[in-house]
Amino acid sequence: MARDTSPIVKQSRREGYALHPKAHKIMARKSGIPGQHAHGRRGKASLYSTQLREKQKVRRLYGLLEKQFARLMSEAARRDGLTGENLLQFLELRLDNAVYRAGLATSRRAARQLVSHGHFELNGKRVDIPSIRLKAGDEIVVRAKSTKSGYFSNIDDVVNNSVQAPLSWLKSDVKKLKISITGLPKREEAEADINEQLIVEYYSR
């Protein structure tokens, strides 16, 4: 399975946005674009550059490769409604994002790894594909075998370090290691610092 393995902190500095919890502290000490000649880059960013950086930020935030993101954007454009909001809904409904949003992982990267290693069942069947799109009525549980692992045995520590705001479309039962999808994500429940219109404009060029 192809994935982006470049350092998340370096990506965060490039986008000027903490894509991972551990990036917050480092970005507080090291600001600006990484690289030997980064400080020499001056001038106002063009509209194209602003659109590109927003697209890259969101793509990296949710952990998608370029082709995956472009396909999702194309599907969002074909769907009724606002393209940008459709895109964010698709991203939020990914299985790895749901695991992260439920508080069972401290980051989306960690959630993606847990799913890839086959620790979850979706509607009673083992799954290992992070990009699976969920729907209302779906139930995700940690596999019985995985509940005995050190990670899930100490899940309270994980949850305490990954506090998430309550969501209208997802319910999490940490004691039972269970996630229930109850509806569709609302725009305001996605990441607050996303300007999806810039992404729509980028792909409309």
N, C-alpha and C. Protein backbone atom coordinates (compact mmCIF):
# COMPACT_ATOMS: atom_id res chain seq x y z
N MET A 1 0.84 -1.20 0.00
CA MET A 1 0.00 0.00 0.00
C MET A 1 0.88 1.25 0.00
N ALA A 2 0.71 2.11 -0.98
CA ALA A 2 1.52 3.32 -1.07
C ALA A 2 1.11 4.31 0.01
N ARG A 3 2.10 5.00 0.58
CA ARG A 3 1.81 6.01 1.59
C ARG A 3 2.93 7.01 1.65
N ASP A 4 2.64 8.16 2.18
CA ASP A 4 3.62 9.23 2.31
C ASP A 4 4.37 9.05 3.62
N THR A 5 5.67 8.78 3.56
CA THR A 5 6.46 8.54 4.77
C THR A 5 7.39 9.70 5.11
N SER A 6 7.25 10.82 4.42
CA SER A 6 8.11 11.96 4.72
C SER A 6 7.80 12.51 6.11
N PRO A 7 8.78 13.10 6.79
CA PRO A 7 8.60 13.57 8.17
C PRO A 7 7.42 14.53 8.30
N ILE A 8 6.54 14.22 9.25
CA ILE A 8 5.31 15.01 9.39
C ILE A 8 5.60 16.42 9.90
N VAL A 9 6.66 16.58 10.70
CA VAL A 9 7.00 17.92 11.19
C VAL A 9 7.51 18.80 10.05
N LYS A 10 8.31 18.21 9.17
CA LYS A 10 8.80 18.94 8.01
C LYS A 10 7.65 19.35 7.12
N GLN A 11 6.70 18.44 6.92
CA GLN A 11 5.50 18.77 6.14
C GLN A 11 4.73 19.91 6.80
N SER A 12 4.62 19.85 8.11
CA SER A 12 3.88 20.86 8.86
C SER A 12 4.51 22.25 8.70
N ARG A 13 5.82 22.30 8.78
CA ARG A 13 6.51 23.59 8.61
C ARG A 13 6.33 24.11 7.19
N ARG A 14 6.34 23.21 6.22
CA ARG A 14 6.15 23.63 4.83
C ARG A 14 4.79 24.24 4.62
N GLU A 15 3.77 23.66 5.27
CA GLU A 15 2.41 24.14 5.09
C GLU A 15 2.03 25.23 6.09
N GLY A 16 2.90 25.47 7.09
CA GLY A 16 2.58 26.47 8.10
C GLY A 16 1.40 26.07 8.95
N TYR A 17 1.24 24.76 9.15
CA TYR A 17 0.07 24.24 9.87
C TYR A 17 0.47 22.93 10.55
N ALA A 18 0.14 22.78 11.81
CA ALA A 18 0.50 21.56 12.55
C ALA A 18 -0.37 20.39 12.08
N LEU A 19 0.22 19.52 11.29
CA LEU A 19 -0.50 18.37 10.75
C LEU A 19 -0.54 17.20 11.72
N HIS A 20 0.19 17.31 12.82
CA HIS A 20 0.32 16.23 13.80
C HIS A 20 0.51 16.88 15.17
N PRO A 21 -0.01 16.30 16.24
CA PRO A 21 0.13 16.91 17.57
C PRO A 21 1.58 17.24 17.95
N LYS A 22 2.53 16.38 17.58
CA LYS A 22 3.91 16.64 17.99
C LYS A 22 4.53 17.82 17.23
N ALA A 23 3.87 18.26 16.18
CA ALA A 23 4.41 19.39 15.40
C ALA A 23 4.22 20.72 16.10
N HIS A 24 3.26 20.81 17.03
CA HIS A 24 2.97 22.08 17.68
C HIS A 24 4.19 22.64 18.41
N LYS A 25 4.83 21.81 19.24
CA LYS A 25 5.97 22.28 20.05
C LYS A 25 7.16 22.65 19.17
N ILE A 26 7.42 21.83 18.16
CA ILE A 26 8.58 22.09 17.31
C ILE A 26 8.35 23.34 16.47
N MET A 27 7.13 23.53 15.98
CA MET A 27 6.84 24.71 15.18
C MET A 27 6.88 25.99 16.01
N ALA A 28 6.68 25.84 17.33
CA ALA A 28 6.79 27.01 18.20
C ALA A 28 8.23 27.50 18.28
N ARG A 29 9.18 26.56 18.08
CA ARG A 29 10.61 26.92 18.13
C ARG A 29 11.17 27.19 16.74
N LYS A 30 10.67 26.47 15.75
CA LYS A 30 11.17 26.61 14.39
C LYS A 30 10.03 27.02 13.48
N SER A 31 10.03 28.24 13.06
CA SER A 31 8.97 28.70 12.17
C SER A 31 9.50 28.85 10.76
N GLY A 32 8.62 28.93 9.81
CA GLY A 32 9.04 29.13 8.43
C GLY A 32 9.24 27.84 7.67
N ILE A 33 9.45 27.98 6.38
CA ILE A 33 9.63 26.84 5.48
C ILE A 33 10.97 26.16 5.76
N PRO A 34 11.02 24.83 5.85
CA PRO A 34 12.28 24.14 6.06
C PRO A 34 13.15 24.18 4.81
N GLY A 35 14.44 24.01 5.00
CA GLY A 35 15.34 23.99 3.85
C GLY A 35 16.42 25.05 3.96
N GLN A 36 17.55 24.79 3.32
CA GLN A 36 18.72 25.65 3.42
C GLN A 36 18.46 27.07 2.92
N HIS A 37 17.68 27.20 1.85
CA HIS A 37 17.48 28.51 1.24
C HIS A 37 16.09 29.09 1.51
N ALA A 38 15.39 28.52 2.47
CA ALA A 38 14.00 28.92 2.72
C ALA A 38 13.88 30.38 3.11
N HIS A 39 14.85 30.89 3.90
CA HIS A 39 14.73 32.25 4.39
C HIS A 39 14.89 33.29 3.29
N GLY A 40 15.38 32.85 2.15
CA GLY A 40 15.56 33.78 1.05
C GLY A 40 14.32 33.96 0.21
N ARG A 41 13.28 33.19 0.50
CA ARG A 41 12.05 33.26 -0.28
C ARG A 41 11.18 34.38 0.27
N ARG A 42 10.99 35.41 -0.53
CA ARG A 42 10.22 36.56 -0.08
C ARG A 42 9.17 36.91 -1.13
N GLY A 43 8.33 37.85 -0.75
CA GLY A 43 7.31 38.31 -1.69
C GLY A 43 5.95 37.73 -1.35
N LYS A 44 4.93 38.37 -1.85
CA LYS A 44 3.57 37.94 -1.61
C LYS A 44 3.25 36.71 -2.44
N ALA A 45 2.62 35.73 -1.81
CA ALA A 45 2.27 34.50 -2.51
C ALA A 45 1.20 34.77 -3.56
N SER A 46 1.34 34.13 -4.73
CA SER A 46 0.35 34.28 -5.78
C SER A 46 -0.92 33.52 -5.40
N LEU A 47 -2.01 33.79 -6.10
CA LEU A 47 -3.25 33.08 -5.85
C LEU A 47 -3.07 31.58 -6.08
N TYR A 48 -2.36 31.24 -7.16
CA TYR A 48 -2.10 29.82 -7.45
C TYR A 48 -1.35 29.17 -6.31
N SER A 49 -0.33 29.85 -5.80
CA SER A 49 0.47 29.30 -4.70
C SER A 49 -0.39 29.09 -3.46
N THR A 50 -1.27 30.04 -3.17
CA THR A 50 -2.16 29.93 -2.01
C THR A 50 -3.11 28.75 -2.17
N GLN A 51 -3.64 28.57 -3.37
CA GLN A 51 -4.53 27.44 -3.64
C GLN A 51 -3.79 26.12 -3.51
N LEU A 52 -2.58 26.07 -4.05
CA LEU A 52 -1.78 24.85 -4.00
C LEU A 52 -1.45 24.47 -2.57
N ARG A 53 -1.03 25.45 -1.78
CA ARG A 53 -0.65 25.17 -0.39
C ARG A 53 -1.85 24.68 0.42
N GLU A 54 -3.04 25.23 0.15
CA GLU A 54 -4.23 24.77 0.87
C GLU A 54 -4.55 23.33 0.48
N LYS A 55 -4.43 23.03 -0.79
CA LYS A 55 -4.67 21.64 -1.25
C LYS A 55 -3.68 20.69 -0.60
N GLN A 56 -2.41 21.07 -0.59
CA GLN A 56 -1.37 20.23 0.00
C GLN A 56 -1.59 20.05 1.50
N LYS A 57 -1.99 21.12 2.16
CA LYS A 57 -2.23 21.06 3.60
C LYS A 57 -3.31 20.04 3.93
N VAL A 58 -4.44 20.12 3.23
CA VAL A 58 -5.56 19.22 3.51
C VAL A 58 -5.21 17.79 3.10
N ARG A 59 -4.55 17.64 1.97
CA ARG A 59 -4.16 16.29 1.53
C ARG A 59 -3.26 15.62 2.56
N ARG A 60 -2.30 16.37 3.07
CA ARG A 60 -1.37 15.81 4.05
C ARG A 60 -2.02 15.64 5.42
N LEU A 61 -2.94 16.52 5.75
CA LEU A 61 -3.64 16.42 7.03
C LEU A 61 -4.39 15.10 7.14
N TYR A 62 -5.04 14.70 6.04
CA TYR A 62 -5.81 13.46 6.06
C TYR A 62 -5.01 12.26 5.55
N GLY A 63 -3.77 12.49 5.12
CA GLY A 63 -2.89 11.38 4.77
C GLY A 63 -3.15 10.74 3.42
N LEU A 64 -3.55 11.53 2.41
CA LEU A 64 -3.80 10.98 1.09
C LEU A 64 -2.65 11.28 0.14
N LEU A 65 -2.46 10.39 -0.83
CA LEU A 65 -1.52 10.66 -1.90
C LEU A 65 -2.20 11.54 -2.95
N GLU A 66 -1.41 12.06 -3.88
CA GLU A 66 -1.93 13.02 -4.85
C GLU A 66 -3.06 12.44 -5.70
N LYS A 67 -2.88 11.24 -6.23
CA LYS A 67 -3.91 10.65 -7.09
C LYS A 67 -5.18 10.33 -6.30
N GLN A 68 -5.01 9.87 -5.07
CA GLN A 68 -6.18 9.60 -4.22
C GLN A 68 -7.00 10.86 -4.01
N PHE A 69 -6.30 11.94 -3.70
CA PHE A 69 -6.97 13.21 -3.41
C PHE A 69 -7.68 13.74 -4.65
N ALA A 70 -7.02 13.64 -5.81
CA ALA A 70 -7.61 14.12 -7.06
C ALA A 70 -8.87 13.32 -7.41
N ARG A 71 -8.83 12.01 -7.19
CA ARG A 71 -10.02 11.18 -7.46
C ARG A 71 -11.17 11.56 -6.54
N LEU A 72 -10.85 11.82 -5.28
CA LEU A 72 -11.88 12.19 -4.32
C LEU A 72 -12.49 13.53 -4.69
N MET A 73 -11.64 14.44 -5.15
CA MET A 73 -12.11 15.75 -5.56
C MET A 73 -13.03 15.63 -6.78
N SER A 74 -12.67 14.77 -7.70
CA SER A 74 -13.49 14.56 -8.89
C SER A 74 -14.86 14.01 -8.52
N GLU A 75 -14.89 13.08 -7.57
CA GLU A 75 -16.16 12.52 -7.12
C GLU A 75 -17.00 13.58 -6.41
N ALA A 76 -16.33 14.41 -5.61
CA ALA A 76 -17.04 15.47 -4.89
C ALA A 76 -17.69 16.45 -5.85
N ALA A 77 -17.02 16.72 -6.97
CA ALA A 77 -17.55 17.64 -7.98
C ALA A 77 -18.78 17.07 -8.67
N ARG A 78 -18.84 15.75 -8.81
CA ARG A 78 -19.98 15.12 -9.48
C ARG A 78 -21.20 15.00 -8.56
N ARG A 79 -20.97 15.04 -7.27
CA ARG A 79 -22.04 14.88 -6.29
C ARG A 79 -22.85 16.17 -6.15
N ASP A 80 -24.15 16.04 -5.92
CA ASP A 80 -24.99 17.22 -5.67
C ASP A 80 -24.49 17.96 -4.43
N GLY A 81 -24.68 19.27 -4.42
CA GLY A 81 -24.27 20.06 -3.28
C GLY A 81 -22.98 20.81 -3.56
N LEU A 82 -22.42 21.43 -2.52
CA LEU A 82 -21.19 22.20 -2.66
C LEU A 82 -19.99 21.26 -2.73
N THR A 83 -19.19 21.42 -3.76
CA THR A 83 -18.06 20.53 -3.98
C THR A 83 -17.11 20.48 -2.79
N GLY A 84 -16.78 21.65 -2.25
CA GLY A 84 -15.85 21.69 -1.14
C GLY A 84 -16.37 20.97 0.09
N GLU A 85 -17.64 21.15 0.39
CA GLU A 85 -18.22 20.48 1.55
C GLU A 85 -18.34 18.97 1.31
N ASN A 86 -18.62 18.58 0.07
CA ASN A 86 -18.65 17.15 -0.26
C ASN A 86 -17.28 16.53 -0.02
N LEU A 87 -16.23 17.23 -0.44
CA LEU A 87 -14.87 16.74 -0.26
C LEU A 87 -14.56 16.52 1.22
N LEU A 88 -14.87 17.50 2.04
CA LEU A 88 -14.59 17.38 3.47
C LEU A 88 -15.40 16.26 4.11
N GLN A 89 -16.62 16.07 3.64
CA GLN A 89 -17.44 14.98 4.16
C GLN A 89 -16.81 13.62 3.82
N PHE A 90 -16.35 13.48 2.58
CA PHE A 90 -15.69 12.24 2.19
C PHE A 90 -14.45 11.97 3.05
N LEU A 91 -13.69 13.02 3.31
CA LEU A 91 -12.47 12.88 4.10
C LEU A 91 -12.78 12.49 5.55
N GLU A 92 -13.81 13.13 6.10
CA GLU A 92 -14.17 12.84 7.48
C GLU A 92 -14.71 11.42 7.64
N LEU A 93 -15.33 10.88 6.60
CA LEU A 93 -15.94 9.55 6.68
C LEU A 93 -14.96 8.41 6.41
N ARG A 94 -13.69 8.73 6.20
CA ARG A 94 -12.69 7.67 6.07
C ARG A 94 -12.57 6.90 7.38
N LEU A 95 -12.32 5.60 7.29
CA LEU A 95 -12.23 4.76 8.47
C LEU A 95 -11.12 5.23 9.42
N ASP A 96 -9.94 5.56 8.86
CA ASP A 96 -8.85 5.98 9.74
C ASP A 96 -9.18 7.28 10.45
N ASN A 97 -9.88 8.19 9.77
CA ASN A 97 -10.27 9.45 10.41
C ASN A 97 -11.27 9.21 11.54
N ALA A 98 -12.20 8.27 11.33
CA ALA A 98 -13.19 7.95 12.36
C ALA A 98 -12.51 7.39 13.61
N VAL A 99 -11.51 6.55 13.41
CA VAL A 99 -10.76 6.00 14.56
C VAL A 99 -10.07 7.12 15.33
N TYR A 100 -9.50 8.07 14.59
CA TYR A 100 -8.87 9.22 15.22
C TYR A 100 -9.89 10.10 15.92
N ARG A 101 -10.99 10.40 15.23
CA ARG A 101 -12.03 11.26 15.81
C ARG A 101 -12.67 10.63 17.05
N ALA A 102 -12.71 9.31 17.09
CA ALA A 102 -13.29 8.61 18.24
C ALA A 102 -12.36 8.62 19.45
N GLY A 103 -11.13 9.09 19.25
CA GLY A 103 -10.18 9.15 20.36
C GLY A 103 -9.39 7.88 20.59
N LEU A 104 -9.46 6.95 19.64
CA LEU A 104 -8.73 5.69 19.80
C LEU A 104 -7.31 5.77 19.25
N ALA A 105 -6.92 6.93 18.77
CA ALA A 105 -5.55 7.17 18.28
C ALA A 105 -5.22 8.64 18.50
N THR A 106 -3.95 8.94 18.72
CA THR A 106 -3.55 10.32 19.01
C THR A 106 -3.36 11.15 17.75
N SER A 107 -3.35 10.51 16.59
CA SER A 107 -3.20 11.23 15.32
C SER A 107 -3.80 10.40 14.20
N ARG A 108 -3.99 11.02 13.05
CA ARG A 108 -4.52 10.28 11.91
C ARG A 108 -3.50 9.26 11.41
N ARG A 109 -2.22 9.59 11.49
CA ARG A 109 -1.19 8.63 11.08
C ARG A 109 -1.24 7.39 11.96
N ALA A 110 -1.39 7.60 13.27
CA ALA A 110 -1.47 6.47 14.19
C ALA A 110 -2.72 5.64 13.91
N ALA A 111 -3.83 6.33 13.62
CA ALA A 111 -5.08 5.62 13.31
C ALA A 111 -4.94 4.80 12.04
N ARG A 112 -4.27 5.39 11.03
CA ARG A 112 -4.07 4.68 9.77
C ARG A 112 -3.25 3.41 9.98
N GLN A 113 -2.26 3.49 10.85
CA GLN A 113 -1.43 2.33 11.12
C GLN A 113 -2.22 1.24 11.84
N LEU A 114 -3.05 1.64 12.80
CA LEU A 114 -3.88 0.67 13.51
C LEU A 114 -4.82 -0.07 12.56
N VAL A 115 -5.43 0.69 11.65
CA VAL A 115 -6.35 0.07 10.69
C VAL A 115 -5.58 -0.85 9.74
N SER A 116 -4.45 -0.38 9.25
CA SER A 116 -3.65 -1.17 8.29
C SER A 116 -3.18 -2.49 8.89
N HIS A 117 -2.98 -2.51 10.20
CA HIS A 117 -2.54 -3.73 10.87
C HIS A 117 -3.69 -4.66 11.22
N GLY A 118 -4.90 -4.30 10.81
CA GLY A 118 -6.04 -5.19 10.95
C GLY A 118 -6.59 -5.31 12.35
N HIS A 119 -6.53 -4.24 13.13
CA HIS A 119 -7.01 -4.29 14.52
C HIS A 119 -8.52 -4.07 14.65
N PHE A 120 -9.20 -3.76 13.53
CA PHE A 120 -10.62 -3.42 13.63
C PHE A 120 -11.50 -4.32 12.77
N GLU A 121 -12.76 -4.38 13.18
CA GLU A 121 -13.80 -5.04 12.40
C GLU A 121 -14.86 -4.00 12.04
N LEU A 122 -15.30 -4.04 10.81
CA LEU A 122 -16.37 -3.16 10.35
C LEU A 122 -17.60 -4.01 10.07
N ASN A 123 -18.65 -3.79 10.83
CA ASN A 123 -19.89 -4.57 10.70
C ASN A 123 -19.61 -6.07 10.75
N GLY A 124 -18.71 -6.44 11.66
CA GLY A 124 -18.43 -7.85 11.90
C GLY A 124 -17.35 -8.47 11.04
N LYS A 125 -16.77 -7.70 10.11
CA LYS A 125 -15.74 -8.23 9.22
C LYS A 125 -14.42 -7.49 9.43
N ARG A 126 -13.33 -8.23 9.47
CA ARG A 126 -12.01 -7.64 9.65
C ARG A 126 -11.68 -6.73 8.46
N VAL A 127 -11.14 -5.56 8.76
CA VAL A 127 -10.76 -4.61 7.71
C VAL A 127 -9.34 -4.11 7.95
N ASP A 128 -8.67 -3.80 6.84
CA ASP A 128 -7.31 -3.25 6.96
C ASP A 128 -7.06 -2.17 5.91
N ILE A 129 -8.14 -1.54 5.45
CA ILE A 129 -8.05 -0.48 4.43
C ILE A 129 -8.48 0.84 5.06
N PRO A 130 -7.53 1.74 5.35
CA PRO A 130 -7.85 3.00 6.02
C PRO A 130 -8.82 3.89 5.27
N SER A 131 -8.85 3.78 3.93
CA SER A 131 -9.66 4.71 3.12
C SER A 131 -11.12 4.29 2.98
N ILE A 132 -11.53 3.18 3.56
CA ILE A 132 -12.93 2.76 3.47
C ILE A 132 -13.85 3.89 3.91
N ARG A 133 -14.86 4.18 3.11
CA ARG A 133 -15.79 5.26 3.47
C ARG A 133 -16.96 4.69 4.26
N LEU A 134 -17.18 5.29 5.40
CA LEU A 134 -18.23 4.81 6.29
C LEU A 134 -19.57 5.45 5.95
N LYS A 135 -20.63 4.87 6.50
CA LYS A 135 -21.98 5.40 6.29
C LYS A 135 -22.77 5.23 7.59
N ALA A 136 -23.88 5.94 7.67
CA ALA A 136 -24.73 5.84 8.85
C ALA A 136 -25.15 4.40 9.09
N GLY A 137 -25.05 3.95 10.33
CA GLY A 137 -25.40 2.58 10.68
C GLY A 137 -24.20 1.66 10.82
N ASP A 138 -23.04 2.10 10.32
CA ASP A 138 -21.83 1.27 10.43
C ASP A 138 -21.35 1.21 11.87
N GLU A 139 -20.79 0.06 12.24
CA GLU A 139 -20.22 -0.11 13.57
C GLU A 139 -18.80 -0.66 13.44
N ILE A 140 -17.88 -0.01 14.13
CA ILE A 140 -16.49 -0.42 14.12
C ILE A 140 -16.11 -0.85 15.52
N VAL A 141 -15.52 -2.03 15.66
CA VAL A 141 -15.07 -2.51 16.97
C VAL A 141 -13.64 -3.02 16.85
N VAL A 142 -12.92 -2.97 17.95
CA VAL A 142 -11.58 -3.54 17.99
C VAL A 142 -11.71 -5.06 18.03
N ARG A 143 -10.94 -5.76 17.24
CA ARG A 143 -11.00 -7.23 17.21
C ARG A 143 -10.67 -7.81 18.57
N ALA A 144 -11.32 -8.91 18.90
CA ALA A 144 -11.13 -9.54 20.21
C ALA A 144 -9.66 -9.83 20.48
N LYS A 145 -8.96 -10.29 19.47
CA LYS A 145 -7.54 -10.61 19.63
C LYS A 145 -6.73 -9.36 19.94
N SER A 146 -7.11 -8.25 19.35
CA SER A 146 -6.35 -7.01 19.52
C SER A 146 -6.60 -6.34 20.87
N THR A 147 -7.74 -6.63 21.48
CA THR A 147 -8.04 -6.00 22.77
C THR A 147 -7.04 -6.39 23.84
N LYS A 148 -6.33 -7.50 23.63
CA LYS A 148 -5.36 -7.98 24.63
C LYS A 148 -3.98 -7.35 24.45
N SER A 149 -3.83 -6.59 23.38
CA SER A 149 -2.54 -5.96 23.13
C SER A 149 -2.28 -4.86 24.14
N GLY A 150 -1.00 -4.51 24.30
CA GLY A 150 -0.64 -3.47 25.24
C GLY A 150 -1.29 -2.14 24.92
N TYR A 151 -1.42 -1.85 23.62
CA TYR A 151 -1.99 -0.57 23.19
C TYR A 151 -3.43 -0.44 23.67
N PHE A 152 -4.27 -1.41 23.36
CA PHE A 152 -5.68 -1.30 23.70
C PHE A 152 -5.95 -1.60 25.17
N SER A 153 -5.03 -2.32 25.82
CA SER A 153 -5.17 -2.55 27.26
C SER A 153 -4.99 -1.25 28.04
N ASN A 154 -4.24 -0.31 27.44
CA ASN A 154 -4.00 0.99 28.08
C ASN A 154 -4.67 2.13 27.30
N ILE A 155 -5.83 1.83 26.73
CA ILE A 155 -6.50 2.79 25.86
C ILE A 155 -6.91 4.06 26.60
N ASP A 156 -7.13 3.98 27.91
CA ASP A 156 -7.49 5.18 28.67
C ASP A 156 -6.41 6.25 28.56
N ASP A 157 -5.15 5.83 28.54
CA ASP A 157 -4.05 6.78 28.41
C ASP A 157 -4.08 7.44 27.03
N VAL A 158 -4.41 6.65 26.02
CA VAL A 158 -4.48 7.17 24.65
C VAL A 158 -5.59 8.20 24.55
N VAL A 159 -6.77 7.85 25.10
CA VAL A 159 -7.93 8.73 25.04
C VAL A 159 -7.65 10.05 25.76
N ASN A 160 -6.97 9.97 26.90
CA ASN A 160 -6.65 11.19 27.66
C ASN A 160 -5.73 12.12 26.88
N ASN A 161 -4.94 11.55 25.97
CA ASN A 161 -4.01 12.35 25.17
C ASN A 161 -4.58 12.76 23.82
N SER A 162 -5.79 12.38 23.55
CA SER A 162 -6.39 12.70 22.24
C SER A 162 -7.84 13.14 22.41
N VAL A 163 -8.04 14.12 23.27
CA VAL A 163 -9.39 14.61 23.55
C VAL A 163 -10.00 15.21 22.28
N GLN A 164 -11.18 14.76 21.92
CA GLN A 164 -11.87 15.24 20.73
C GLN A 164 -13.20 15.85 21.13
N ALA A 165 -13.59 16.89 20.43
CA ALA A 165 -14.90 17.49 20.68
C ALA A 165 -15.99 16.51 20.25
N PRO A 166 -17.13 16.48 20.95
CA PRO A 166 -18.23 15.59 20.57
C PRO A 166 -18.68 15.87 19.13
N LEU A 167 -19.01 14.81 18.42
CA LEU A 167 -19.43 14.92 17.03
C LEU A 167 -20.85 14.41 16.87
N SER A 168 -21.63 15.06 16.01
CA SER A 168 -23.02 14.65 15.82
C SER A 168 -23.15 13.34 15.04
N TRP A 169 -22.13 13.02 14.26
CA TRP A 169 -22.23 11.87 13.36
C TRP A 169 -21.52 10.61 13.85
N LEU A 170 -20.90 10.69 15.02
CA LEU A 170 -20.09 9.57 15.51
C LEU A 170 -20.24 9.44 17.02
N LYS A 171 -20.41 8.21 17.47
CA LYS A 171 -20.44 7.92 18.90
C LYS A 171 -19.35 6.91 19.23
N SER A 172 -18.64 7.18 20.32
CA SER A 172 -17.53 6.32 20.70
C SER A 172 -17.76 5.76 22.10
N ASP A 173 -17.63 4.44 22.23
CA ASP A 173 -17.71 3.77 23.53
C ASP A 173 -16.33 3.17 23.81
N VAL A 174 -15.52 3.92 24.58
CA VAL A 174 -14.14 3.52 24.80
C VAL A 174 -14.06 2.21 25.59
N LYS A 175 -14.94 2.03 26.55
CA LYS A 175 -14.89 0.81 27.36
C LYS A 175 -15.14 -0.43 26.52
N LYS A 176 -16.05 -0.30 25.55
CA LYS A 176 -16.35 -1.44 24.68
C LYS A 176 -15.50 -1.41 23.41
N LEU A 177 -14.63 -0.38 23.28
CA LEU A 177 -13.79 -0.21 22.09
C LEU A 177 -14.64 -0.27 20.82
N LYS A 178 -15.68 0.54 20.82
CA LYS A 178 -16.66 0.51 19.75
C LYS A 178 -16.95 1.91 19.23
N ILE A 179 -17.12 2.03 17.92
CA ILE A 179 -17.46 3.29 17.27
C ILE A 179 -18.73 3.06 16.45
N SER A 180 -19.68 3.98 16.58
CA SER A 180 -20.92 3.89 15.81
C SER A 180 -21.06 5.14 14.95
N ILE A 181 -21.38 4.95 13.68
CA ILE A 181 -21.61 6.06 12.77
C ILE A 181 -23.11 6.33 12.74
N THR A 182 -23.51 7.52 13.15
CA THR A 182 -24.93 7.82 13.33
C THR A 182 -25.49 8.78 12.28
N GLY A 183 -24.63 9.35 11.45
CA GLY A 183 -25.12 10.30 10.44
C GLY A 183 -23.99 10.77 9.55
N LEU A 184 -24.13 11.98 9.01
CA LEU A 184 -23.13 12.55 8.13
C LEU A 184 -22.45 13.73 8.81
N PRO A 185 -21.15 13.91 8.59
CA PRO A 185 -20.43 15.04 9.20
C PRO A 185 -20.95 16.38 8.69
N LYS A 186 -21.03 17.34 9.60
CA LYS A 186 -21.40 18.71 9.23
C LYS A 186 -20.13 19.48 8.89
N ARG A 187 -20.28 20.50 8.06
CA ARG A 187 -19.12 21.29 7.66
C ARG A 187 -18.35 21.84 8.86
N GLU A 188 -19.08 22.34 9.84
CA GLU A 188 -18.42 22.96 10.99
C GLU A 188 -17.70 21.95 11.89
N GLU A 189 -17.90 20.65 11.64
CA GLU A 189 -17.24 19.64 12.45
C GLU A 189 -15.91 19.19 11.85
N ALA A 190 -15.61 19.64 10.65
CA ALA A 190 -14.30 19.36 10.04
C ALA A 190 -13.29 20.33 10.65
N GLU A 191 -12.03 20.18 10.27
CA GLU A 191 -11.00 21.08 10.79
C GLU A 191 -11.37 22.53 10.50
N ALA A 192 -11.22 23.37 11.52
CA ALA A 192 -11.68 24.75 11.40
C ALA A 192 -10.85 25.59 10.44
N ASP A 193 -9.57 25.28 10.31
CA ASP A 193 -8.67 26.12 9.53
C ASP A 193 -8.53 25.70 8.07
N ILE A 194 -9.57 25.12 7.53
CA ILE A 194 -9.56 24.69 6.13
C ILE A 194 -10.40 25.64 5.29
N ASN A 195 -9.83 26.08 4.18
CA ASN A 195 -10.59 26.90 3.21
C ASN A 195 -10.79 26.03 1.97
N GLU A 196 -11.87 25.28 1.98
CA GLU A 196 -12.12 24.33 0.90
C GLU A 196 -12.34 25.00 -0.45
N GLN A 197 -12.78 26.26 -0.44
CA GLN A 197 -13.02 26.95 -1.70
C GLN A 197 -11.73 27.13 -2.48
N LEU A 198 -10.62 27.33 -1.79
CA LEU A 198 -9.33 27.45 -2.47
C LEU A 198 -8.97 26.15 -3.19
N ILE A 199 -9.34 25.03 -2.59
CA ILE A 199 -9.06 23.72 -3.21
C ILE A 199 -9.92 23.54 -4.46
N VAL A 200 -11.18 23.93 -4.35
CA VAL A 200 -12.10 23.85 -5.50
C VAL A 200 -11.56 24.70 -6.64
N GLU A 201 -11.09 25.91 -6.32
CA GLU A 201 -10.54 26.80 -7.34
C GLU A 201 -9.28 26.22 -7.97
N TYR A 202 -8.47 25.56 -7.16
CA TYR A 202 -7.23 24.96 -7.68
C TYR A 202 -7.55 23.92 -8.75
N TYR A 203 -8.53 23.08 -8.49
CA TYR A 203 -8.87 22.02 -9.44
C TYR A 203 -9.76 22.52 -10.57
N SER A 204 -10.23 23.76 -10.48
CA SER A 204 -11.08 24.33 -11.54
C SER A 204 -10.27 25.12 -12.56
N ARG A 205 -8.96 25.17 -12.37
CA ARG A 205 -8.13 25.97 -13.29
C ARG A 205 -8.21 25.43 -14.72
